[in-house]
Amino acid sequence: MRIDPTDASDATLWRQRGFSLPEVLIAALLFAVSLLGLLQYHQVLLQSFQRQWQYRQAWSLAHQHLEVFAASGRLDAGLPPLAPGWRRETSLSSPQPACQRLVVRIQTPQQQWAELSRWYCMRQ
């Protein structure tokens, strides 16, 4: 069946076929805004995962430092160098004659700190 746009009865059918240009433009705009929102959400999610991963790495490095000190008794024994942007701080104090307290602080590239401490006491 072919529609003739000059026929008065078929003119109504001719005008109602498909979407108008403003409808298509509005739909495209809504799609673009939705897509931008999803992309921004994805970016925030990735940054959050990276921050969480770095924080877990910092705790792991601090724990590793404590274990190396427990095994060797030295602060600098066998520790791998840190990646650029990471920082390690250690402090060893002896508040009691037979005990030492080691505090290890690791800073991630996103300025998060992980701090672990452990007491090492000599048996008498």
Protein backbone atom coordinates (compact mmCIF):
# COMPACT_ATOMS: atom_id res chain seq x y z
CA MET A 1 0.00 0.00 0.00
CA ARG A 2 1.43 3.31 -1.07
CA ILE A 3 0.49 6.55 0.70
CA ASP A 4 -0.19 9.57 -1.45
CA PRO A 5 0.59 12.81 0.43
CA THR A 6 -1.71 14.84 -1.85
CA ASP A 7 -4.80 12.84 -0.93
CA ALA A 8 -6.61 14.44 2.05
CA SER A 9 -7.36 11.11 3.75
CA ASP A 10 -3.75 9.91 3.35
CA ALA A 11 -2.22 13.24 4.46
CA THR A 12 -2.85 12.44 8.11
CA LEU A 13 -1.06 9.10 7.79
CA TRP A 14 1.86 10.74 5.97
CA ARG A 15 2.44 13.27 8.75
CA GLN A 16 2.29 10.68 11.53
CA ARG A 17 4.99 8.36 10.23
CA GLY A 18 8.23 8.35 12.29
CA PHE A 19 9.63 10.89 14.72
CA SER A 20 10.02 14.59 14.19
CA LEU A 21 13.42 16.28 14.26
CA PRO A 22 12.90 17.92 17.69
CA GLU A 23 11.97 14.55 19.19
CA VAL A 24 15.09 12.94 17.77
CA LEU A 25 17.30 15.80 19.02
CA ILE A 26 15.82 15.60 22.52
CA ALA A 27 16.33 11.83 22.58
CA ALA A 28 19.95 12.25 21.44
CA LEU A 29 20.52 14.90 24.12
CA LEU A 30 19.10 12.65 26.84
CA PHE A 31 21.25 9.77 25.64
CA ALA A 32 24.39 11.95 25.64
CA VAL A 33 23.71 13.29 29.15
CA SER A 34 23.08 9.76 30.44
CA LEU A 35 26.26 8.50 28.83
CA LEU A 36 28.31 11.34 30.35
CA GLY A 37 26.87 10.54 33.77
CA LEU A 38 27.80 6.88 33.43
CA LEU A 39 31.33 7.76 32.28
CA GLN A 40 31.82 10.07 35.25
CA TYR A 41 30.55 7.37 37.61
CA HIS A 42 32.96 4.88 36.03
CA GLN A 43 35.88 7.28 36.49
CA VAL A 44 35.06 7.87 40.17
CA LEU A 45 34.72 4.13 40.69
CA LEU A 46 38.14 3.45 39.14
CA GLN A 47 39.77 6.14 41.28
CA SER A 48 38.18 4.64 44.36
CA PHE A 49 39.46 1.16 43.48
CA GLN A 50 42.96 2.55 42.91
CA ARG A 51 42.93 4.41 46.24
CA GLN A 52 41.75 1.26 48.04
CA TRP A 53 44.43 -0.87 46.33
CA GLN A 54 47.17 1.60 47.29
CA TYR A 55 45.93 1.67 50.87
CA ARG A 56 46.04 -2.13 51.08
CA GLN A 57 49.55 -2.09 49.59
CA ALA A 58 50.63 0.40 52.26
CA TRP A 59 49.39 -1.87 55.04
CA SER A 60 51.14 -4.83 53.44
CA LEU A 61 54.44 -2.92 53.14
CA ALA A 62 54.24 -1.76 56.76
CA HIS A 63 53.59 -5.33 57.92
CA GLN A 64 56.48 -6.60 55.78
CA HIS A 65 58.80 -4.03 57.38
CA LEU A 66 57.82 -5.21 60.87
CA GLU A 67 58.41 -8.84 59.91
CA VAL A 68 61.85 -8.09 58.43
CA PHE A 69 62.86 -6.27 61.61
CA ALA A 70 61.61 -9.18 63.75
CA ALA A 71 63.68 -11.64 61.72
CA SER A 72 66.89 -9.61 61.38
CA GLY A 73 66.86 -7.04 64.17
CA ARG A 74 67.88 -4.31 61.69
CA LEU A 75 65.76 -1.52 60.21
CA ASP A 76 67.30 -1.58 56.75
CA ALA A 77 67.75 -5.32 56.16
CA GLY A 78 66.40 -6.67 52.87
CA LEU A 79 63.64 -4.16 52.24
CA PRO A 80 62.71 -3.51 48.62
CA PRO A 81 62.87 0.09 47.42
CA LEU A 82 59.57 1.91 47.31
CA ALA A 83 58.00 3.03 44.04
CA PRO A 84 58.06 6.74 43.15
CA GLY A 85 55.52 8.71 45.15
CA TRP A 86 55.59 6.32 48.11
CA ARG A 87 57.28 7.19 51.40
CA ARG A 88 58.38 5.14 54.41
CA GLU A 89 59.04 6.47 57.91
CA THR A 90 60.31 4.34 60.76
CA SER A 91 60.99 5.15 64.37
CA LEU A 92 62.50 2.86 66.95
CA SER A 93 62.14 3.87 70.58
CA SER A 94 63.11 2.21 73.86
CA PRO A 95 60.78 3.45 76.58
CA GLN A 96 61.78 0.52 78.81
CA PRO A 97 65.24 -1.03 79.09
CA ALA A 98 64.24 -4.49 77.86
CA CYS A 99 61.71 -3.40 75.20
CA GLN A 100 61.77 -1.57 71.91
CA ARG A 101 58.84 -0.17 69.99
CA LEU A 102 59.03 0.02 66.20
CA VAL A 103 56.59 2.29 64.38
CA VAL A 104 56.35 2.04 60.59
CA ARG A 105 54.43 4.61 58.57
CA ILE A 106 53.85 4.25 54.82
CA GLN A 107 52.47 7.08 52.70
CA THR A 108 50.76 6.36 49.37
CA PRO A 109 50.97 8.63 46.33
CA GLN A 110 47.47 9.89 47.21
CA GLN A 111 48.71 11.07 50.63
CA GLN A 112 47.11 8.27 52.67
CA TRP A 113 49.03 6.99 55.68
CA ALA A 114 49.15 3.46 57.04
CA GLU A 115 50.80 3.08 60.43
CA LEU A 116 51.68 -0.13 62.26
CA SER A 117 53.67 -0.57 65.44
CA ARG A 118 55.01 -3.54 67.35
CA TRP A 119 56.76 -4.07 70.65
CA TYR A 120 59.89 -6.22 70.80
CA CYS A 121 60.86 -7.26 74.32
CA MET A 122 63.81 -9.36 75.47
CA ARG A 123 63.14 -12.31 77.74
CA GLN A 124 65.01 -12.18 80.99
